[in-house]
Amino acid sequence: MTFTKDAVTAALRFWLDGGQLKLPPGHIVGVEPTPDGGCRLRMEKLGGIPATVELSSAQMAVVFIGYARHLGIPIPRKAAKSVQGTATGGIMMRIEMSTMATKQVP
């Protein structure tokens, strides 16, 4: 599942609006995904000093899983998940199922 830069921003705004991600006061003025799947945010408060916040790949995975559920996109709980940056400036969340993680039907 690949999140474009705009989708990354939308997911972060959704997560921030829900109060589930604690960031400095202000609003997002820039989003820069990193190659490891993390994200660098530029935050700005009216009349204040801009701040840069680094989110890890694990934090971004939590944001994406919550955003996908909000959109009605099911994410298997027992699947292995990882994130990485894309060449186009987005972030890809890889979901890998193994036979060990699935139920066997008799």
Protein backbone atom coordinates (compact mmCIF):
# COMPACT_ATOMS: atom_id res chain seq x y z
CA MET A 1 0.00 0.00 0.00
CA THR A 2 1.64 3.25 -1.10
CA PHE A 3 0.83 6.64 0.40
CA THR A 4 1.61 9.61 -1.84
CA LYS A 5 3.00 12.74 -0.21
CA ASP A 6 -0.54 14.19 -0.14
CA ALA A 7 -1.89 11.00 1.44
CA VAL A 8 0.91 11.09 4.05
CA THR A 9 -0.13 14.65 4.91
CA ALA A 10 -3.83 13.65 5.07
CA ALA A 11 -3.05 10.68 7.35
CA LEU A 12 -0.98 12.88 9.67
CA ARG A 13 -3.68 15.56 9.83
CA PHE A 14 -6.31 12.91 10.63
CA TRP A 15 -4.11 11.48 13.38
CA LEU A 16 -3.37 14.96 14.78
CA ASP A 17 -7.06 15.93 14.76
CA GLY A 18 -7.82 12.84 16.82
CA GLY A 19 -5.26 13.94 19.40
CA GLN A 20 -3.43 10.64 19.08
CA LEU A 21 -0.10 12.16 18.10
CA LYS A 22 1.52 14.69 20.40
CA LEU A 23 3.34 17.41 18.47
CA PRO A 24 4.36 20.98 19.23
CA PRO A 25 1.54 23.52 18.87
CA GLY A 26 0.92 24.79 15.36
CA HIS A 27 0.02 23.38 12.00
CA ILE A 28 1.87 21.28 9.45
CA VAL A 29 3.52 23.41 6.77
CA GLY A 30 5.73 20.72 5.28
CA VAL A 31 6.04 16.95 5.11
CA GLU A 32 9.20 15.19 4.01
CA PRO A 33 9.14 11.38 4.04
CA THR A 34 12.53 9.80 4.76
CA PRO A 35 13.99 6.73 3.00
CA ASP A 36 13.52 4.55 6.11
CA GLY A 37 9.75 5.21 6.18
CA GLY A 38 9.88 7.91 8.82
CA CYS A 39 8.80 11.47 8.24
CA ARG A 40 10.15 14.95 8.93
CA LEU A 41 7.42 17.49 9.68
CA ARG A 42 7.75 21.25 9.61
CA MET A 43 5.37 22.77 12.14
CA GLU A 44 4.57 26.46 12.41
CA LYS A 45 2.63 28.45 14.96
CA LEU A 46 1.22 31.86 14.06
CA GLY A 47 3.92 34.36 14.99
CA GLY A 48 6.06 31.60 16.44
CA ILE A 49 9.30 29.92 15.58
CA PRO A 50 8.99 27.02 13.13
CA ALA A 51 9.78 23.58 14.55
CA THR A 52 10.93 20.37 12.88
CA VAL A 53 9.61 17.08 14.23
CA GLU A 54 11.01 13.67 13.28
CA LEU A 55 8.62 10.72 13.29
CA SER A 56 10.07 7.21 13.19
CA SER A 57 9.00 4.51 10.77
CA ALA A 58 7.20 2.76 13.66
CA GLN A 59 5.23 5.94 14.42
CA MET A 60 4.31 6.31 10.75
CA ALA A 61 3.13 2.68 10.62
CA VAL A 62 0.75 3.41 13.52
CA VAL A 63 -0.51 6.55 11.72
CA PHE A 64 -1.10 4.61 8.47
CA ILE A 65 -2.86 1.70 10.16
CA GLY A 66 -5.22 4.09 11.96
CA TYR A 67 -5.86 6.10 8.80
CA ALA A 68 -6.52 2.95 6.74
CA ARG A 69 -9.04 1.74 9.33
CA HIS A 70 -10.70 5.17 9.26
CA LEU A 71 -11.06 4.82 5.47
CA GLY A 72 -12.47 1.30 5.83
CA ILE A 73 -9.36 -0.45 4.50
CA PRO A 74 -8.79 -3.61 6.56
CA ILE A 75 -5.27 -4.30 7.80
CA PRO A 76 -4.63 -7.84 9.09
CA ARG A 77 -3.51 -7.76 12.73
CA LYS A 78 -1.22 -10.78 12.49
CA ALA A 79 0.58 -9.71 9.32
CA ALA A 80 4.12 -8.37 9.41
CA LYS A 81 4.17 -4.66 8.59
CA SER A 82 7.01 -2.40 7.52
CA VAL A 83 7.32 1.04 5.95
CA GLN A 84 9.87 2.61 3.64
CA GLY A 85 10.19 5.77 1.60
CA THR A 86 9.51 5.73 -2.14
CA ALA A 87 11.41 7.38 -4.97
CA THR A 88 8.43 9.68 -5.60
CA GLY A 89 8.43 11.16 -2.08
CA GLY A 90 5.74 8.96 -0.56
CA ILE A 91 5.83 6.13 1.93
CA MET A 92 5.00 2.49 1.22
CA MET A 93 3.54 0.28 3.95
CA ARG A 94 4.27 -3.36 3.20
CA ILE A 95 1.93 -5.96 4.69
CA GLU A 96 3.24 -9.50 4.55
CA MET A 97 1.15 -12.53 5.41
CA SER A 98 2.69 -15.92 6.08
CA THR A 99 1.05 -19.31 6.35
CA MET A 100 1.92 -19.26 10.05
CA ALA A 101 -0.23 -16.14 10.53
CA THR A 102 -3.35 -17.47 8.79
CA LYS A 103 -5.95 -19.84 10.21
CA GLN A 104 -6.15 -23.25 8.67
CA VAL A 105 -9.62 -24.20 7.45
CA PRO A 106 -10.50 -27.85 8.23
